[in-house]
C-alpha cells in the first residue's frame, strides 16, 4: 500500500484525463482494511478496489506538462503496426483467385489440363476486365 500511496501523492494537484473528462486530484484515502482506495477530485470521488488501482492509474492521461509527453511516448511504444487484409467471403475476386490457384495445381499434376486452364484464364481475364469497367463507371457516377 505504501507504493500506491506514493504513486497517488505524485498524482495530486495535477490534471488527468479519464474517459472524456478532465479531473484534478485533490486528495486520497486508503481504507483501514487496505481493500479500497478513495480519490477525491474536482468532479467526483472515485472508489476503487485496491487490487484494481494500478489499472485505473494506467488508464489516466496527463493533461499538459512533461507528464503528458512521457505518457504519449509510452503509448506510442506500445502501439504495434497491424496489417489487415479484408476479403469478403463470397467475393468474386476471392472466387477467381481460388479457381486460378486450383488450375495451377492441376496443371502441375497433369500437363493435359493446360488447354482447359488457358480457357479458364481467358474467362477470368474477361471477368476482371468487366469488373474494371464497372469500377470506372462507379467512379464517374460518383464524380457527377
C-alpha atoms as a PDB file:
ATOM      1  CA  UNK A   1       0.000   0.000   0.000  1.00  0.00           C
ATOM      2  CA  UNK A   2       2.923   2.315   0.550  1.00  0.00           C
ATOM      3  CA  UNK A   3       3.792   2.142  -3.152  1.00  0.00           C
ATOM      4  CA  UNK A   4       0.195   3.032  -4.080  1.00  0.00           C
ATOM      5  CA  UNK A   5       0.215   5.909  -1.595  1.00  0.00           C
ATOM      6  CA  UNK A   6       3.465   7.291  -3.027  1.00  0.00           C
ATOM      7  CA  UNK A   7       2.147   6.985  -6.566  1.00  0.00           C
ATOM      8  CA  UNK A   8      -1.086   8.747  -5.632  1.00  0.00           C
ATOM      9  CA  UNK A   9       0.851  11.532  -3.917  1.00  0.00           C
ATOM     10  CA  UNK A  10       2.622  12.190  -7.208  1.00  0.00           C
ATOM     11  CA  UNK A  11      -0.785  12.471  -8.950  1.00  0.00           C
ATOM     12  CA  UNK A  12      -2.172  15.104  -6.557  1.00  0.00           C
ATOM     13  CA  UNK A  13      -2.965  18.628  -7.808  1.00  0.00           C
ATOM     14  CA  UNK A  14      -2.415  17.552 -11.389  1.00  0.00           C
ATOM     15  CA  UNK A  15      -4.947  17.351 -14.174  1.00  0.00           C
ATOM     16  CA  UNK A  16      -5.716  13.920 -15.626  1.00  0.00           C
ATOM     17  CA  UNK A  17      -7.928  12.772 -18.480  1.00  0.00           C
ATOM     18  CA  UNK A  18     -10.153   9.836 -17.602  1.00  0.00           C
ATOM     19  CA  UNK A  19     -12.855   8.773 -20.029  1.00  0.00           C
ATOM     20  CA  UNK A  20     -13.811  12.015 -21.731  1.00  0.00           C
ATOM     21  CA  UNK A  21     -13.389  14.277 -18.715  1.00  0.00           C
ATOM     22  CA  UNK A  22     -10.502  16.070 -17.025  1.00  0.00           C
ATOM     23  CA  UNK A  23     -10.036  15.562 -13.288  1.00  0.00           C
ATOM     24  CA  UNK A  24      -7.771  17.327 -10.826  1.00  0.00           C
ATOM     25  CA  UNK A  25      -6.815  15.008  -7.992  1.00  0.00           C
ATOM     26  CA  UNK A  26      -7.294  16.750  -4.656  1.00  0.00           C
ATOM     27  CA  UNK A  27      -6.749  14.070  -2.013  1.00  0.00           C
ATOM     28  CA  UNK A  28      -6.990  10.332  -1.428  1.00  0.00           C
ATOM     29  CA  UNK A  29      -7.593   7.835   1.352  1.00  0.00           C
ATOM     30  CA  UNK A  30      -6.900   4.132   1.618  1.00  0.00           C
ATOM     31  CA  UNK A  31      -9.414   2.173   3.693  1.00  0.00           C
ATOM     32  CA  UNK A  32      -8.285   0.768   7.060  1.00  0.00           C
ATOM     33  CA  UNK A  33      -8.503  -2.771   5.705  1.00  0.00           C
ATOM     34  CA  UNK A  34      -6.462  -1.790   2.594  1.00  0.00           C
ATOM     35  CA  UNK A  35      -9.310  -3.016   0.358  1.00  0.00           C
ATOM     36  CA  UNK A  36     -10.475   0.305  -1.142  1.00  0.00           C
ATOM     37  CA  UNK A  37      -8.867   3.494  -2.415  1.00  0.00           C
ATOM     38  CA  UNK A  38     -10.874   6.721  -2.422  1.00  0.00           C
ATOM     39  CA  UNK A  39      -9.673   9.534  -4.680  1.00  0.00           C
ATOM     40  CA  UNK A  40     -11.345  12.936  -4.342  1.00  0.00           C
ATOM     41  CA  UNK A  41     -11.236  15.078  -7.480  1.00  0.00           C
ATOM     42  CA  UNK A  42     -12.754  18.352  -8.628  1.00  0.00           C
ATOM     43  CA  UNK A  43     -15.724  16.459 -10.127  1.00  0.00           C
ATOM     44  CA  UNK A  44     -16.294  13.298  -8.130  1.00  0.00           C
ATOM     45  CA  UNK A  45     -14.874  10.810  -5.672  1.00  0.00           C
ATOM     46  CA  UNK A  46     -13.576   7.601  -7.185  1.00  0.00           C
ATOM     47  CA  UNK A  47     -13.993   4.439  -5.105  1.00  0.00           C
ATOM     48  CA  UNK A  48     -11.609   1.849  -6.471  1.00  0.00           C
ATOM     49  CA  UNK A  49     -10.810  -1.628  -5.139  1.00  0.00           C
ATOM     50  CA  UNK A  50      -7.136  -1.701  -4.157  1.00  0.00           C
ATOM     51  CA  UNK A  51      -6.450  -4.616  -6.492  1.00  0.00           C
ATOM     52  CA  UNK A  52      -7.722  -2.506  -9.442  1.00  0.00           C
ATOM     53  CA  UNK A  53      -5.900   0.750  -8.650  1.00  0.00           C
ATOM     54  CA  UNK A  54      -2.940   0.039 -10.950  1.00  0.00           C
ATOM     55  CA  UNK A  55      -5.285  -0.500 -13.906  1.00  0.00           C
ATOM     56  CA  UNK A  56      -7.133   2.704 -13.044  1.00  0.00           C
ATOM     57  CA  UNK A  57      -3.945   4.752 -12.785  1.00  0.00           C
ATOM     58  CA  UNK A  58      -2.624   3.318 -16.054  1.00  0.00           C
ATOM     59  CA  UNK A  59      -5.800   4.466 -17.801  1.00  0.00           C
ATOM     60  CA  UNK A  60      -5.215   8.109 -16.852  1.00  0.00           C
ATOM     61  CA  UNK A  61      -3.643  10.503 -19.332  1.00  0.00           C
ATOM     62  CA  UNK A  62      -1.911  13.630 -18.051  1.00  0.00           C
ATOM     63  CA  UNK A  63      -3.288  16.905 -19.338  1.00  0.00           C
ATOM     64  CA  UNK A  64      -0.377  19.226 -20.175  1.00  0.00           C
ATOM     65  CA  UNK A  65       3.204  19.290 -18.993  1.00  0.00           C
ATOM     66  CA  UNK A  66       6.063  16.826 -19.306  1.00  0.00           C
ATOM     67  CA  UNK A  67       3.985  14.001 -17.864  1.00  0.00           C
ATOM     68  CA  UNK A  68       1.790  14.157 -20.950  1.00  0.00           C
ATOM     69  CA  UNK A  69       4.747  13.794 -23.295  1.00  0.00           C
ATOM     70  CA  UNK A  70       6.102  10.867 -21.283  1.00  0.00           C
ATOM     71  CA  UNK A  71       2.728   9.106 -21.273  1.00  0.00           C
ATOM     72  CA  UNK A  72       2.301   9.671 -25.020  1.00  0.00           C
ATOM     73  CA  UNK A  73       5.787   8.266 -25.634  1.00  0.00           C
ATOM     74  CA  UNK A  74       4.853   5.162 -23.610  1.00  0.00           C
ATOM     75  CA  UNK A  75       1.644   4.724 -25.592  1.00  0.00           C
ATOM     76  CA  UNK A  76       3.473   5.068 -28.914  1.00  0.00           C
ATOM     77  CA  UNK A  77       5.931   2.366 -27.843  1.00  0.00           C
ATOM     78  CA  UNK A  78       3.036   0.026 -27.037  1.00  0.00           C
ATOM     79  CA  UNK A  79       1.353   0.506 -30.424  1.00  0.00           C
ATOM     80  CA  UNK A  80       2.285  -2.206 -32.862  1.00  0.00           C
ATOM     81  CA  UNK A  81       1.562  -1.840 -36.583  1.00  0.00           C
ATOM     82  CA  UNK A  82      -1.093  -4.229 -37.799  1.00  0.00           C
ATOM     83  CA  UNK A  83      -1.516  -5.446 -41.353  1.00  0.00           C
ATOM     84  CA  UNK A  84      -5.096  -6.138 -42.244  1.00  0.00           C
ATOM     85  CA  UNK A  85      -6.400  -7.889 -45.318  1.00  0.00           C
ATOM     86  CA  UNK A  86     -10.097  -7.564 -45.887  1.00  0.00           C
ATOM     87  CA  UNK A  87     -11.733 -10.201 -48.017  1.00  0.00           C
ATOM     88  CA  UNK A  88     -15.443 -10.619 -48.296  1.00  0.00           C
ATOM     89  CA  UNK A  89     -16.462 -14.263 -48.020  1.00  0.00           C
ATOM     90  CA  UNK A  90     -18.230 -14.980 -51.376  1.00  0.00           C
ATOM     91  CA  UNK A  91     -16.468 -12.175 -53.231  1.00  0.00           C
ATOM     92  CA  UNK A  92     -15.881 -12.564 -56.952  1.00  0.00           C
ATOM     93  CA  UNK A  93     -12.169 -11.803 -56.648  1.00  0.00           C
ATOM     94  CA  UNK A  94     -11.762 -14.406 -53.918  1.00  0.00           C
ATOM     95  CA  UNK A  95     -13.546 -16.982 -56.061  1.00  0.00           C
ATOM     96  CA  UNK A  96     -11.395 -16.146 -59.105  1.00  0.00           C
ATOM     97  CA  UNK A  97      -8.235 -16.415 -57.061  1.00  0.00           C
ATOM     98  CA  UNK A  98      -9.307 -19.829 -55.774  1.00  0.00           C
ATOM     99  CA  UNK A  99     -10.100 -21.045 -59.303  1.00  0.00           C
ATOM    100  CA  UNK A 100      -6.749 -19.895 -60.665  1.00  0.00           C
ATOM    101  CA  UNK A 101      -4.807 -21.465 -57.802  1.00  0.00           C
ATOM    102  CA  UNK A 102      -6.655 -24.757 -58.331  1.00  0.00           C
ATOM    103  CA  UNK A 103      -5.869 -24.604 -62.053  1.00  0.00           C
ATOM    104  CA  UNK A 104      -2.178 -24.051 -61.344  1.00  0.00           C
ATOM    105  CA  UNK A 105      -2.197 -27.106 -59.098  1.00  0.00           C
ATOM    106  CA  UNK A 106      -3.962 -29.199 -61.771  1.00  0.00           C
ATOM    107  CA  UNK A 107      -1.502 -28.105 -64.484  1.00  0.00           C
ATOM    108  CA  UNK A 108       1.417 -29.104 -62.248  1.00  0.00           C
ATOM    109  CA  UNK A 109      -0.139 -32.512 -61.723  1.00  0.00           C
ATOM    110  CA  UNK A 110      -1.240 -33.119 -65.327  1.00  0.00           C
ATOM    111  CA  UNK A 111       0.075 -31.227 -68.369  1.00  0.00           C
ATOM    112  CA  UNK A 112      -3.006 -32.378 -70.348  1.00  0.00           C
ATOM    113  CA  UNK A 113      -5.021 -29.841 -68.331  1.00  0.00           C
ATOM    114  CA  UNK A 114      -3.131 -26.869 -69.901  1.00  0.00           C
ATOM    115  CA  UNK A 115      -5.691 -26.146 -72.676  1.00  0.00           C
ATOM    116  CA  UNK A 116      -8.520 -26.127 -70.144  1.00  0.00           C
ATOM    117  CA  UNK A 117      -6.503 -23.895 -67.800  1.00  0.00           C
ATOM    118  CA  UNK A 118      -5.894 -21.439 -70.661  1.00  0.00           C
ATOM    119  CA  UNK A 119      -9.628 -21.294 -71.362  1.00  0.00           C
ATOM    120  CA  UNK A 120     -10.381 -20.686 -67.688  1.00  0.00           C
ATOM    121  CA  UNK A 121      -7.701 -17.975 -67.539  1.00  0.00           C
ATOM    122  CA  UNK A 122      -9.229 -16.231 -70.565  1.00  0.00           C
ATOM    123  CA  UNK A 123     -12.639 -16.270 -68.894  1.00  0.00           C
ATOM    124  CA  UNK A 124     -11.193 -14.960 -65.632  1.00  0.00           C
ATOM    125  CA  UNK A 125      -9.468 -12.125 -67.511  1.00  0.00           C
ATOM    126  CA  UNK A 126     -12.774 -11.255 -69.185  1.00  0.00           C
ATOM    127  CA  UNK A 127     -14.494 -11.099 -65.778  1.00  0.00           C
ATOM    128  CA  UNK A 128     -11.690  -8.949 -64.327  1.00  0.00           C
ATOM    129  CA  UNK A 129     -11.907  -6.538 -67.266  1.00  0.00           C
ATOM    130  CA  UNK A 130     -15.676  -6.306 -66.807  1.00  0.00           C
ATOM    131  CA  UNK A 131     -15.155  -5.521 -63.113  1.00  0.00           C
ATOM    132  CA  UNK A 132     -12.659  -2.797 -64.063  1.00  0.00           C
ATOM    133  CA  UNK A 133     -15.257  -1.229 -66.354  1.00  0.00           C
ATOM    134  CA  UNK A 134     -17.838  -1.362 -63.540  1.00  0.00           C
ATOM    135  CA  UNK A 135     -15.365   0.280 -61.172  1.00  0.00           C
ATOM    136  CA  UNK A 136     -14.578   3.069 -63.626  1.00  0.00           C
ATOM    137  CA  UNK A 137     -18.303   3.614 -64.183  1.00  0.00           C
ATOM    138  CA  UNK A 138     -18.891   3.831 -60.408  1.00  0.00           C
ATOM    139  CA  UNK A 139     -16.092   6.413 -60.095  1.00  0.00           C
ATOM    140  CA  UNK A 140     -17.605   8.508 -62.880  1.00  0.00           C
ATOM    141  CA  UNK A 141     -21.091   8.366 -61.375  1.00  0.00           C
ATOM    142  CA  UNK A 142     -19.676   9.399 -58.005  1.00  0.00           C
ATOM    143  CA  UNK A 143     -17.973  12.440 -59.566  1.00  0.00           C
ATOM    144  CA  UNK A 144     -21.195  13.705 -61.133  1.00  0.00           C
END
